Amino acid sequence: MRKEWIYGKLICSALFLLGTCLPASAQTGHLSGVRVVNDEIKKNGREVHVNFILDIEEMHVKRQESVRLYPVVAKEGGKSLELPSVVLDGRVRDKVHRREKALTGFAKTDGAYIALRRKNGEAQQVEYAVTLPYEPWMAQSRLVLREQVTGCLECAQSGMEETPVKNTFLQLFRPQYATAFVQPGKETVKVRNEVRVARLQFRQDSYNIDPKFKNNESELATVSSSVEVVKTNPDLTITGIYITGYASPEGTVEYNLKLSKNRAEALAAYAQKDTEVDASLWHVTGVGEDWEGLRKEVEKHPQLLKIDDVLRIIDECDGDKDLCEQRIRDLVPPEIYQRLLNEMYGPLRRNEYRIEYNVRNFNLEEAKNLLKTRPDLLSVEEIYMVADSYGKGSAEYDEAMLTAARTYPANAAAVVNGACVKMEQGDVKGAIDLLEGCEVKDDASVLNALGVACARDKQYDKAKEILERALKAGSMEAQKNLEQLAGVVADL
């Protein structure tokens, strides 16, 4: 028995030199004796610089062991990148590797970041610094340290252990876009207007109004009612009623100009008498033939024969309109002109009237009620007074701000502030729709807000182009937002 024990000990000692013998005790790992200190991971352009120190003072490596530490960038359930390893050899294993290198010119430690002998009980540190090519997936990854032990019989059974170093490997650039609240201008006098159309029917070559002719009675009642609604509202003061007459192209330009004015004057005289609004408030003009309106009417009839020819004649009609009308008459077949006359000329013969009025100012309680029924009678400032009474962040505040934006699409402050509310709600596409659908698209503050919204929607090229336009238009915030955008794009 004694002899067998001696032979076994001699064999094991020989195997130690070859790295194939493991003591009876199970492998427990060495990571508990490793500390990672002064870790710093920075992105610079398309490169990532990884720096840290491995403090291995508490690590004990047995003489026959070779402990390989792998820093790994790992994404949960996805990609991973193994960085150059650090090899820590026990006393015997270090000799084996050195002898191997001397005899063959190659050692198993080749390719490692560093290989060194672990002097148990002594303080040792490894300064680790590598540069990696940046890939976007790294931002959702973590840095771990894995350990693999070789040089003993049972090492393969122990597998590879790991410990986390950084739960977030790389912090990407976090933009701080600037879209400050835009203070609306004070509306000293609230001027409003309502534009309507009266399609009265006149007998041929006549401008006399006959209430009993066709549907004139209904049209005239609508005109009078529109004026009466404003006139009898104690919150409103009529400052002017403007009537504009239009004609269709049949006949001469001179005749149609006179006819359109006479018919507008006829409507003004009738409505003035019916509503008893002061005569000085009525303003009448006739503009004659409405060629712009004709084009719109033709576009509503895509099946019209030779529609492209008709539209081209309209678009090229910058001079003699009588000649242009004759060119349309001369189109073959004659049914083309007949359709225009019967279906498309009629809507052009009309009177448009605009009732202009001033609106008094309202207190908070009045404004709250009107916000639900007639927000157009409130100024943006009054709507914001209502919003502030509910408090920023409340649903009522948000709805008031959005009501201002919808009611006043030509007010840059209202539109921008409404878009900011949309973005705060997480509705970036809604903000884009609001900004792109407004009537002040070229305003610097609108462009800046639109650029930010597009950036948040990951439309980076579009955002850059719009923010550059905002900068040229005078937005002080656009330059900062362009810099923020550049930081985001660099991480793509």
Protein backbone atom coordinates (compact mmCIF):
# COMPACT_ATOMS: atom_id res chain seq x y z
CA MET A 1 0.00 0.00 0.00
CA ARG A 2 2.85 2.32 0.87
CA LYS A 3 4.55 1.47 -2.43
CA GLU A 4 1.39 2.25 -4.47
CA TRP A 5 1.04 5.60 -2.73
CA ILE A 6 4.67 6.48 -3.58
CA TYR A 7 4.20 5.48 -7.26
CA GLY A 8 1.00 7.56 -7.44
CA LYS A 9 2.73 10.56 -5.95
CA LEU A 10 5.61 10.29 -8.46
CA ILE A 11 3.20 10.02 -11.39
CA CYS A 12 1.19 13.02 -10.21
CA SER A 13 4.34 15.07 -9.77
CA ALA A 14 5.33 14.26 -13.35
CA LEU A 15 1.90 15.21 -14.60
CA PHE A 16 2.12 18.51 -12.71
CA LEU A 17 4.90 19.46 -15.06
CA LEU A 18 2.65 18.72 -18.04
CA GLY A 19 -0.29 20.51 -16.51
CA THR A 20 -2.66 17.61 -16.32
CA CYS A 21 -3.00 16.87 -12.65
CA LEU A 22 -5.55 18.43 -10.28
CA PRO A 23 -5.54 18.03 -6.51
CA ALA A 24 -8.41 16.19 -4.95
CA SER A 25 -10.24 19.36 -3.88
CA ALA A 26 -12.80 20.75 -6.39
CA GLN A 27 -12.08 23.87 -8.44
CA THR A 28 -13.77 26.86 -6.80
CA GLY A 29 -12.72 29.72 -9.16
CA HIS A 30 -10.50 32.72 -8.68
CA LEU A 31 -12.76 35.69 -9.52
CA SER A 32 -13.52 36.30 -5.86
CA GLY A 33 -9.89 37.34 -5.49
CA VAL A 34 -10.00 39.83 -8.37
CA ARG A 35 -11.00 43.46 -8.06
CA VAL A 36 -11.61 45.74 -11.04
CA VAL A 37 -10.74 49.34 -10.17
CA ASN A 38 -10.56 52.68 -12.00
CA ASP A 39 -12.69 51.36 -14.84
CA GLU A 40 -13.31 53.91 -17.58
CA ILE A 41 -15.01 53.32 -20.91
CA LYS A 42 -15.22 56.18 -23.38
CA LYS A 43 -16.42 56.50 -26.95
CA ASN A 44 -14.38 58.71 -29.26
CA GLY A 45 -15.77 58.87 -32.76
CA ARG A 46 -16.00 55.33 -34.07
CA GLU A 47 -13.73 53.91 -31.38
CA VAL A 48 -14.30 52.75 -27.80
CA HIS A 49 -11.46 53.02 -25.31
CA VAL A 50 -11.60 50.48 -22.47
CA ASN A 51 -9.36 51.09 -19.44
CA PHE A 52 -9.30 49.45 -16.03
CA ILE A 53 -6.94 47.92 -13.46
CA LEU A 54 -7.12 44.31 -12.34
CA ASP A 55 -6.07 44.10 -8.70
CA ILE A 56 -5.16 40.46 -8.04
CA GLU A 57 -3.64 40.80 -4.57
CA GLU A 58 -6.32 38.48 -3.08
CA MET A 59 -6.01 35.94 -5.88
CA HIS A 60 -4.27 32.62 -5.20
CA VAL A 61 -3.11 30.58 -8.20
CA LYS A 62 -1.82 27.10 -7.56
CA ARG A 63 1.54 26.32 -8.99
CA GLN A 64 0.34 24.08 -11.81
CA GLU A 65 -2.62 26.31 -12.79
CA SER A 66 -3.00 28.78 -15.65
CA VAL A 67 -5.86 31.20 -15.02
CA ARG A 68 -7.09 33.08 -18.07
CA LEU A 69 -9.31 36.12 -17.44
CA TYR A 70 -11.45 37.22 -20.39
CA PRO A 71 -13.05 40.69 -20.38
CA VAL A 72 -16.20 40.25 -22.52
CA VAL A 73 -18.66 42.80 -23.91
CA ALA A 74 -21.92 40.84 -23.84
CA LYS A 75 -25.46 41.70 -24.92
CA GLU A 76 -28.26 39.80 -23.24
CA GLY A 77 -29.35 37.05 -25.61
CA GLY A 78 -27.35 38.53 -28.46
CA LYS A 79 -23.90 39.50 -29.63
CA SER A 80 -20.72 39.40 -27.59
CA LEU A 81 -17.14 40.47 -28.08
CA GLU A 82 -14.27 38.76 -26.28
CA LEU A 83 -11.41 41.14 -25.50
CA PRO A 84 -7.74 40.08 -25.23
CA SER A 85 -7.28 37.91 -22.17
CA VAL A 86 -5.02 38.25 -19.14
CA VAL A 87 -3.10 35.06 -18.29
CA LEU A 88 -1.96 34.46 -14.70
CA ASP A 89 0.26 31.40 -14.29
CA GLY A 90 1.22 29.52 -11.20
CA ARG A 91 4.94 28.96 -10.56
CA VAL A 92 5.18 25.60 -12.36
CA ARG A 93 2.85 26.56 -15.19
CA ASP A 94 4.89 29.73 -15.81
CA LYS A 95 7.99 27.56 -16.27
CA VAL A 96 6.15 25.24 -18.65
CA HIS A 97 5.07 28.15 -20.85
CA ARG A 98 8.52 29.69 -20.86
CA ARG A 99 10.13 26.35 -21.77
CA GLU A 100 7.50 25.83 -24.48
CA LYS A 101 8.27 29.25 -25.95
CA ALA A 102 12.02 28.63 -25.87
CA LEU A 103 11.79 25.21 -27.55
CA THR A 104 9.11 25.83 -30.19
CA GLY A 105 8.86 29.60 -30.48
CA PHE A 106 5.21 29.30 -29.54
CA ALA A 107 3.34 29.23 -26.24
CA LYS A 108 -0.32 28.92 -25.25
CA THR A 109 -0.11 32.40 -23.79
CA ASP A 110 0.54 33.94 -27.21
CA GLY A 111 -2.26 36.33 -28.20
CA ALA A 112 -3.03 37.28 -24.63
CA TYR A 113 -3.06 40.92 -23.59
CA ILE A 114 -0.42 40.00 -20.99
CA ALA A 115 0.87 36.82 -19.37
CA LEU A 116 2.61 36.87 -16.03
CA ARG A 117 3.38 34.71 -13.08
CA ARG A 118 1.15 35.15 -10.07
CA LYS A 119 3.23 35.61 -6.96
CA ASN A 120 0.80 34.52 -4.29
CA GLY A 121 0.66 36.74 -1.25
CA GLU A 122 2.20 39.72 -3.05
CA ALA A 123 0.38 42.80 -4.34
CA GLN A 124 0.03 42.70 -8.11
CA GLN A 125 -1.96 44.78 -10.56
CA VAL A 126 -2.58 44.63 -14.31
CA GLU A 127 -3.21 47.90 -16.12
CA TYR A 128 -5.57 47.02 -18.97
CA ALA A 129 -6.20 49.32 -21.95
CA VAL A 130 -7.61 48.35 -25.34
CA THR A 131 -9.36 50.20 -28.18
CA LEU A 132 -12.34 48.63 -29.95
CA PRO A 133 -14.20 49.55 -33.13
CA TYR A 134 -17.60 50.93 -32.08
CA GLU A 135 -20.77 49.05 -32.93
CA PRO A 136 -24.26 50.31 -31.95
CA TRP A 137 -25.23 47.10 -30.14
CA MET A 138 -22.57 47.82 -27.51
CA ALA A 139 -24.78 50.47 -25.94
CA GLN A 140 -27.21 47.79 -24.71
CA SER A 141 -24.44 45.55 -23.42
CA ARG A 142 -22.54 44.95 -20.20
CA LEU A 143 -18.92 44.20 -19.40
CA VAL A 144 -18.20 40.92 -17.62
CA LEU A 145 -15.02 39.15 -16.57
CA ARG A 146 -14.86 35.45 -17.34
CA GLU A 147 -12.40 32.96 -15.94
CA GLN A 148 -11.07 29.76 -17.43
CA VAL A 149 -8.58 27.54 -15.64
CA THR A 150 -6.28 25.09 -17.40
CA GLY A 151 -3.32 22.93 -16.36
CA CYS A 152 -5.13 20.34 -14.28
CA LEU A 153 -7.09 17.14 -14.86
CA GLU A 154 -10.50 18.37 -13.65
CA CYS A 155 -10.33 21.95 -14.98
CA ALA A 156 -12.55 21.17 -17.98
CA GLN A 157 -15.29 20.01 -15.64
CA SER A 158 -15.39 23.36 -13.85
CA GLY A 159 -16.55 25.26 -16.95
CA MET A 160 -16.18 29.02 -17.28
CA GLU A 161 -17.25 31.34 -14.47
CA GLU A 162 -17.95 35.05 -14.80
CA THR A 163 -18.60 38.16 -12.74
CA PRO A 164 -20.08 41.49 -13.86
CA VAL A 165 -17.82 44.51 -14.14
CA LYS A 166 -20.20 47.12 -15.57
CA ASN A 167 -23.92 46.52 -16.04
CA THR A 168 -23.94 49.21 -18.72
CA PHE A 169 -20.89 48.86 -20.89
CA LEU A 170 -21.27 52.14 -22.74
CA GLN A 171 -23.39 55.20 -22.08
CA LEU A 172 -24.45 56.70 -25.38
CA PHE A 173 -24.79 60.42 -25.92
CA ARG A 174 -28.01 61.68 -24.39
CA PRO A 175 -29.23 64.74 -26.26
CA GLN A 176 -30.68 67.72 -24.45
CA TYR A 177 -32.72 69.38 -27.17
CA ALA A 178 -33.84 72.96 -26.62
CA THR A 179 -37.46 73.88 -27.35
CA ALA A 180 -38.23 76.61 -24.89
CA PHE A 181 -41.72 77.95 -24.24
CA VAL A 182 -42.54 80.73 -26.70
CA GLN A 183 -44.30 83.70 -25.14
CA PRO A 184 -47.23 84.76 -27.35
CA GLY A 185 -47.52 88.40 -28.34
CA LYS A 186 -50.19 90.45 -26.61
CA GLU A 187 -53.30 90.97 -28.72
CA THR A 188 -54.29 94.50 -27.72
CA VAL A 189 -57.40 94.49 -29.91
CA LYS A 190 -58.90 91.11 -30.72
CA VAL A 191 -59.90 91.36 -34.37
CA ARG A 192 -61.81 88.43 -35.81
CA ASN A 193 -63.65 87.78 -39.04
CA GLU A 194 -65.93 85.22 -40.64
CA VAL A 195 -65.81 84.56 -44.38
CA ARG A 196 -68.86 83.09 -46.11
CA VAL A 197 -70.15 82.63 -49.66
CA ALA A 198 -73.53 83.72 -51.02
CA ARG A 199 -74.51 82.06 -54.30
CA LEU A 200 -77.39 84.20 -55.43
CA GLN A 201 -79.14 83.47 -58.73
CA PHE A 202 -79.58 86.37 -61.15
CA ARG A 203 -81.52 86.45 -64.37
CA GLN A 204 -79.41 86.82 -67.51
CA ASP A 205 -77.69 90.21 -67.75
CA SER A 206 -79.37 91.32 -64.53
CA TYR A 207 -78.07 92.29 -61.13
CA ASN A 208 -81.40 92.87 -59.47
CA ILE A 209 -82.01 90.57 -56.50
CA ASP A 210 -85.27 88.64 -56.63
CA PRO A 211 -85.81 86.81 -53.31
CA LYS A 212 -88.36 84.52 -54.98
CA PHE A 213 -86.03 83.43 -57.78
CA LYS A 214 -84.74 79.85 -57.36
CA ASN A 215 -83.03 79.41 -53.95
CA ASN A 216 -82.32 83.10 -53.32
CA GLU A 217 -84.61 83.29 -50.30
CA SER A 218 -82.53 80.72 -48.44
CA GLU A 219 -79.21 82.35 -49.41
CA LEU A 220 -80.37 85.82 -48.34
CA ALA A 221 -81.65 84.46 -45.03
CA THR A 222 -78.23 82.94 -44.39
CA VAL A 223 -76.49 86.27 -45.07
CA SER A 224 -78.82 88.18 -42.75
CA SER A 225 -78.55 85.53 -40.06
CA SER A 226 -74.75 85.61 -40.19
CA VAL A 227 -74.73 89.36 -39.65
CA GLU A 228 -77.39 89.23 -36.93
CA VAL A 229 -75.45 86.61 -34.91
CA VAL A 230 -72.48 88.96 -34.69
CA LYS A 231 -74.55 92.12 -34.31
CA THR A 232 -76.59 90.81 -31.37
CA ASN A 233 -73.64 89.29 -29.49
CA PRO A 234 -72.76 91.76 -26.70
CA ASP A 235 -69.17 90.49 -26.70
CA LEU A 236 -68.64 91.50 -30.34
CA THR A 237 -68.54 94.82 -32.17
CA ILE A 238 -68.83 94.86 -35.95
CA THR A 239 -66.11 96.98 -37.54
CA GLY A 240 -66.80 96.20 -41.19
CA ILE A 241 -68.66 93.99 -43.64
CA TYR A 242 -66.79 93.34 -46.87
CA ILE A 243 -68.53 91.93 -49.95
CA THR A 244 -66.57 90.80 -53.00
CA GLY A 245 -68.26 89.87 -56.27
CA TYR A 246 -66.91 87.24 -58.70
CA ALA A 247 -67.93 86.30 -62.23
CA SER A 248 -67.40 83.38 -64.61
CA PRO A 249 -65.41 83.88 -67.86
CA GLU A 250 -68.24 83.88 -70.43
CA GLY A 251 -68.64 87.36 -71.90
CA THR A 252 -65.99 90.08 -71.97
CA VAL A 253 -63.64 90.90 -69.14
CA GLU A 254 -64.93 94.47 -68.97
CA TYR A 255 -68.54 93.38 -68.82
CA ASN A 256 -67.90 90.75 -66.16
CA LEU A 257 -65.97 93.19 -63.98
CA LYS A 258 -68.90 95.60 -63.97
CA LEU A 259 -71.41 92.79 -63.50
CA SER A 260 -69.55 91.33 -60.50
CA LYS A 261 -69.46 94.74 -58.78
CA ASN A 262 -73.13 95.50 -59.49
CA ARG A 263 -74.21 92.14 -58.08
CA ALA A 264 -72.05 92.67 -54.96
CA GLU A 265 -73.57 96.12 -54.46
CA ALA A 266 -77.04 94.64 -54.85
CA LEU A 267 -76.36 92.13 -52.09
CA ALA A 268 -74.90 94.84 -49.83
CA ALA A 269 -77.94 97.07 -50.31
CA TYR A 270 -80.35 94.24 -49.60
CA ALA A 271 -78.49 92.96 -46.51
CA GLN A 272 -77.96 96.48 -45.15
CA LYS A 273 -81.68 97.20 -45.28
CA ASP A 274 -82.54 93.81 -43.77
CA THR A 275 -80.03 93.97 -40.90
CA GLU A 276 -80.00 97.73 -40.28
CA VAL A 277 -76.20 97.77 -39.91
CA ASP A 278 -74.75 101.26 -40.41
CA ALA A 279 -74.12 101.97 -44.11
CA SER A 280 -70.58 103.18 -43.37
CA LEU A 281 -69.58 99.67 -42.32
CA TRP A 282 -70.32 98.12 -45.73
CA HIS A 283 -67.49 97.81 -48.25
CA VAL A 284 -68.06 96.46 -51.75
CA THR A 285 -65.74 95.46 -54.57
CA GLY A 286 -66.00 93.45 -57.77
CA VAL A 287 -63.04 91.46 -59.09
CA GLY A 288 -64.59 90.13 -62.29
CA GLU A 289 -63.65 86.75 -63.74
CA ASP A 290 -62.29 84.19 -61.32
CA TRP A 291 -59.71 82.20 -63.31
CA GLU A 292 -58.03 80.83 -60.21
CA GLY A 293 -61.37 79.45 -59.09
CA LEU A 294 -61.94 78.03 -62.57
CA ARG A 295 -58.77 75.95 -62.33
CA LYS A 296 -59.91 74.48 -59.01
CA GLU A 297 -63.30 73.61 -60.48
CA VAL A 298 -61.74 71.92 -63.51
CA GLU A 299 -59.50 69.82 -61.25
CA LYS A 300 -62.66 68.48 -59.61
CA HIS A 301 -63.64 66.93 -62.96
CA PRO A 302 -60.71 64.65 -63.92
CA GLN A 303 -62.82 62.91 -66.59
CA LEU A 304 -63.21 66.13 -68.60
CA LEU A 305 -62.05 65.61 -72.20
CA LYS A 306 -58.68 67.26 -72.92
CA ILE A 307 -58.42 68.39 -69.32
CA ASP A 308 -54.66 68.94 -69.71
CA ASP A 309 -55.28 71.34 -72.60
CA VAL A 310 -57.88 73.23 -70.58
CA LEU A 311 -55.56 73.54 -67.58
CA ARG A 312 -52.67 74.67 -69.78
CA ILE A 313 -54.82 77.45 -71.31
CA ILE A 314 -55.80 78.60 -67.80
CA ASP A 315 -52.19 78.53 -66.53
CA GLU A 316 -50.91 80.46 -69.55
CA CYS A 317 -53.61 83.11 -69.31
CA ASP A 318 -51.61 86.08 -68.03
CA GLY A 319 -52.76 88.69 -70.53
CA ASP A 320 -55.89 88.90 -72.69
CA LYS A 321 -58.45 86.84 -70.80
CA ASP A 322 -61.05 87.26 -73.55
CA LEU A 323 -58.63 85.53 -75.91
CA CYS A 324 -58.04 82.78 -73.37
CA GLU A 325 -61.76 82.18 -73.04
CA GLN A 326 -62.03 81.98 -76.82
CA ARG A 327 -59.25 79.35 -76.91
CA ILE A 328 -61.31 77.22 -74.52
CA ARG A 329 -64.40 77.75 -76.71
CA ASP A 330 -62.45 76.57 -79.76
CA LEU A 331 -61.51 73.21 -78.23
CA VAL A 332 -62.84 70.21 -80.10
CA PRO A 333 -65.24 68.63 -79.48
CA PRO A 334 -67.58 71.51 -78.49
CA GLU A 335 -68.89 69.40 -75.60
CA ILE A 336 -65.78 70.42 -73.65
CA TYR A 337 -66.82 74.05 -73.43
CA GLN A 338 -70.44 73.09 -72.87
CA ARG A 339 -69.48 71.06 -69.82
CA LEU A 340 -67.43 73.98 -68.47
CA LEU A 341 -70.38 76.30 -68.99
CA ASN A 342 -72.95 73.97 -67.41
CA GLU A 343 -70.92 72.39 -64.59
CA MET A 344 -67.88 74.52 -63.76
CA TYR A 345 -68.75 78.16 -64.51
CA GLY A 346 -71.74 78.26 -62.15
CA PRO A 347 -69.80 78.04 -58.84
CA LEU A 348 -67.64 80.98 -59.98
CA ARG A 349 -70.61 83.37 -60.02
CA ARG A 350 -70.76 84.28 -56.37
CA ASN A 351 -70.43 86.90 -53.69
CA GLU A 352 -68.09 86.35 -50.77
CA TYR A 353 -68.73 88.34 -47.63
CA ARG A 354 -66.49 88.84 -44.63
CA ILE A 355 -67.80 90.12 -41.32
CA GLU A 356 -65.02 91.73 -39.34
CA TYR A 357 -65.48 92.44 -35.64
CA ASN A 358 -63.66 93.18 -32.42
CA VAL A 359 -64.01 90.94 -29.38
CA ARG A 360 -63.97 92.20 -25.82
CA ASN A 361 -61.55 90.78 -23.26
CA PHE A 362 -62.72 88.06 -20.89
CA ASN A 363 -61.98 87.17 -17.29
CA LEU A 364 -60.84 83.70 -16.22
CA GLU A 365 -64.25 82.14 -15.63
CA GLU A 366 -65.63 83.52 -18.89
CA ALA A 367 -62.57 82.27 -20.74
CA LYS A 368 -62.95 78.77 -19.26
CA ASN A 369 -66.49 78.53 -20.62
CA LEU A 370 -65.62 79.95 -24.03
CA LEU A 371 -62.66 77.59 -24.38
CA LYS A 372 -65.16 74.75 -24.76
CA THR A 373 -67.51 76.51 -27.19
CA ARG A 374 -65.83 79.44 -28.98
CA PRO A 375 -62.06 79.35 -28.42
CA ASP A 376 -61.66 81.59 -31.49
CA LEU A 377 -63.07 84.48 -29.44
CA LEU A 378 -60.22 84.17 -26.95
CA SER A 379 -56.73 85.46 -27.52
CA VAL A 380 -53.85 83.02 -27.17
CA GLU A 381 -52.94 84.92 -24.02
CA GLU A 382 -56.42 84.32 -22.58
CA ILE A 383 -56.25 80.61 -23.42
CA TYR A 384 -52.89 80.42 -21.64
CA MET A 385 -54.46 82.15 -18.65
CA VAL A 386 -56.94 79.26 -18.51
CA ALA A 387 -54.16 76.68 -18.93
CA ASP A 388 -52.09 78.20 -16.11
CA SER A 389 -55.10 78.10 -13.79
CA TYR A 390 -55.10 74.29 -14.06
CA GLY A 391 -51.35 73.93 -13.55
CA LYS A 392 -48.64 72.68 -15.89
CA GLY A 393 -48.67 68.92 -16.23
CA SER A 394 -52.41 68.51 -15.77
CA ALA A 395 -54.61 67.10 -18.53
CA GLU A 396 -56.60 70.36 -18.60
CA TYR A 397 -53.42 72.38 -19.08
CA ASP A 398 -52.33 70.21 -22.00
CA GLU A 399 -55.75 70.37 -23.66
CA ALA A 400 -55.86 74.17 -23.38
CA MET A 401 -52.40 74.49 -24.95
CA LEU A 402 -53.38 72.16 -27.79
CA THR A 403 -56.65 74.04 -28.31
CA ALA A 404 -54.65 77.24 -28.79
CA ALA A 405 -52.46 75.52 -31.38
CA ARG A 406 -55.44 74.13 -33.30
CA THR A 407 -57.39 77.37 -33.15
CA TYR A 408 -54.52 79.60 -34.24
CA PRO A 409 -52.40 77.72 -36.84
CA ALA A 410 -50.93 81.06 -37.93
CA ASN A 411 -49.63 81.89 -34.45
CA ALA A 412 -46.07 80.55 -34.17
CA ALA A 413 -46.03 80.69 -30.35
CA ALA A 414 -49.27 78.69 -30.06
CA VAL A 415 -48.11 76.09 -32.59
CA VAL A 416 -44.65 75.59 -31.05
CA ASN A 417 -45.95 75.36 -27.50
CA GLY A 418 -48.66 72.93 -28.59
CA ALA A 419 -46.05 70.78 -30.34
CA CYS A 420 -43.93 70.75 -27.17
CA VAL A 421 -46.94 69.46 -25.22
CA LYS A 422 -47.35 66.71 -27.82
CA MET A 423 -43.70 65.71 -27.45
CA GLU A 424 -43.95 65.71 -23.65
CA GLN A 425 -46.91 63.35 -24.02
CA GLY A 426 -44.76 61.05 -26.13
CA ASP A 427 -46.72 61.81 -29.30
CA VAL A 428 -43.79 62.87 -31.50
CA LYS A 429 -45.61 62.13 -34.75
CA GLY A 430 -48.54 64.24 -33.55
CA ALA A 431 -46.12 67.11 -32.92
CA ILE A 432 -44.71 66.76 -36.43
CA ASP A 433 -48.22 66.80 -37.94
CA LEU A 434 -49.10 69.91 -35.96
CA LEU A 435 -45.95 71.76 -37.02
CA GLU A 436 -46.08 70.70 -40.66
CA GLY A 437 -49.76 71.58 -40.91
CA CYS A 438 -49.48 75.11 -39.52
CA GLU A 439 -49.59 78.33 -41.53
CA VAL A 440 -46.19 79.64 -40.36
CA LYS A 441 -43.88 76.84 -41.49
CA ASP A 442 -40.97 79.20 -42.21
CA ASP A 443 -40.93 80.79 -38.75
CA ALA A 444 -37.59 80.18 -37.01
CA SER A 445 -39.13 78.83 -33.80
CA VAL A 446 -41.46 76.52 -35.75
CA LEU A 447 -38.55 75.17 -37.80
CA ASN A 448 -36.50 74.59 -34.65
CA ALA A 449 -39.33 72.68 -32.97
CA LEU A 450 -39.94 70.64 -36.12
CA GLY A 451 -36.24 69.77 -36.33
CA VAL A 452 -36.28 68.55 -32.74
CA ALA A 453 -39.44 66.52 -33.32
CA CYS A 454 -37.90 64.86 -36.39
CA ALA A 455 -34.73 64.09 -34.41
CA ARG A 456 -36.79 62.45 -31.69
CA ASP A 457 -38.58 60.49 -34.38
CA LYS A 458 -35.15 59.30 -35.60
CA GLN A 459 -35.50 61.14 -38.92
CA TYR A 460 -31.97 62.41 -38.53
CA ASP A 461 -31.27 63.63 -42.07
CA LYS A 462 -34.55 65.52 -42.19
CA ALA A 463 -33.91 66.95 -38.71
CA LYS A 464 -30.48 68.23 -39.73
CA GLU A 465 -31.83 69.94 -42.86
CA ILE A 466 -34.68 71.62 -40.94
CA LEU A 467 -32.48 72.76 -38.05
CA GLU A 468 -30.02 74.31 -40.51
CA ARG A 469 -32.95 76.25 -41.99
CA ALA A 470 -34.00 77.29 -38.50
CA LEU A 471 -30.49 78.56 -37.82
CA LYS A 472 -30.50 80.63 -41.00
CA ALA A 473 -33.93 81.97 -40.04
CA GLY A 474 -32.50 83.25 -36.75
CA SER A 475 -33.25 80.55 -34.17
CA MET A 476 -30.77 80.82 -31.31
CA GLU A 477 -31.65 77.29 -30.15
CA ALA A 478 -31.01 75.62 -33.52
CA GLN A 479 -27.21 75.70 -33.18
CA LYS A 480 -27.32 73.84 -29.87
CA ASN A 481 -29.81 71.35 -31.28
CA LEU A 482 -27.57 70.70 -34.27
CA GLU A 483 -24.72 69.91 -31.88
CA GLN A 484 -26.97 67.58 -29.89
CA LEU A 485 -28.08 65.89 -33.09
CA ALA A 486 -24.46 65.39 -34.17
CA GLY A 487 -23.78 63.61 -30.87
CA VAL A 488 -26.68 61.23 -31.47
CA VAL A 489 -25.68 60.52 -35.07
CA ALA A 490 -22.11 59.75 -33.98
CA ASP A 491 -23.44 56.84 -31.92
CA LEU A 492 -25.32 55.24 -34.80
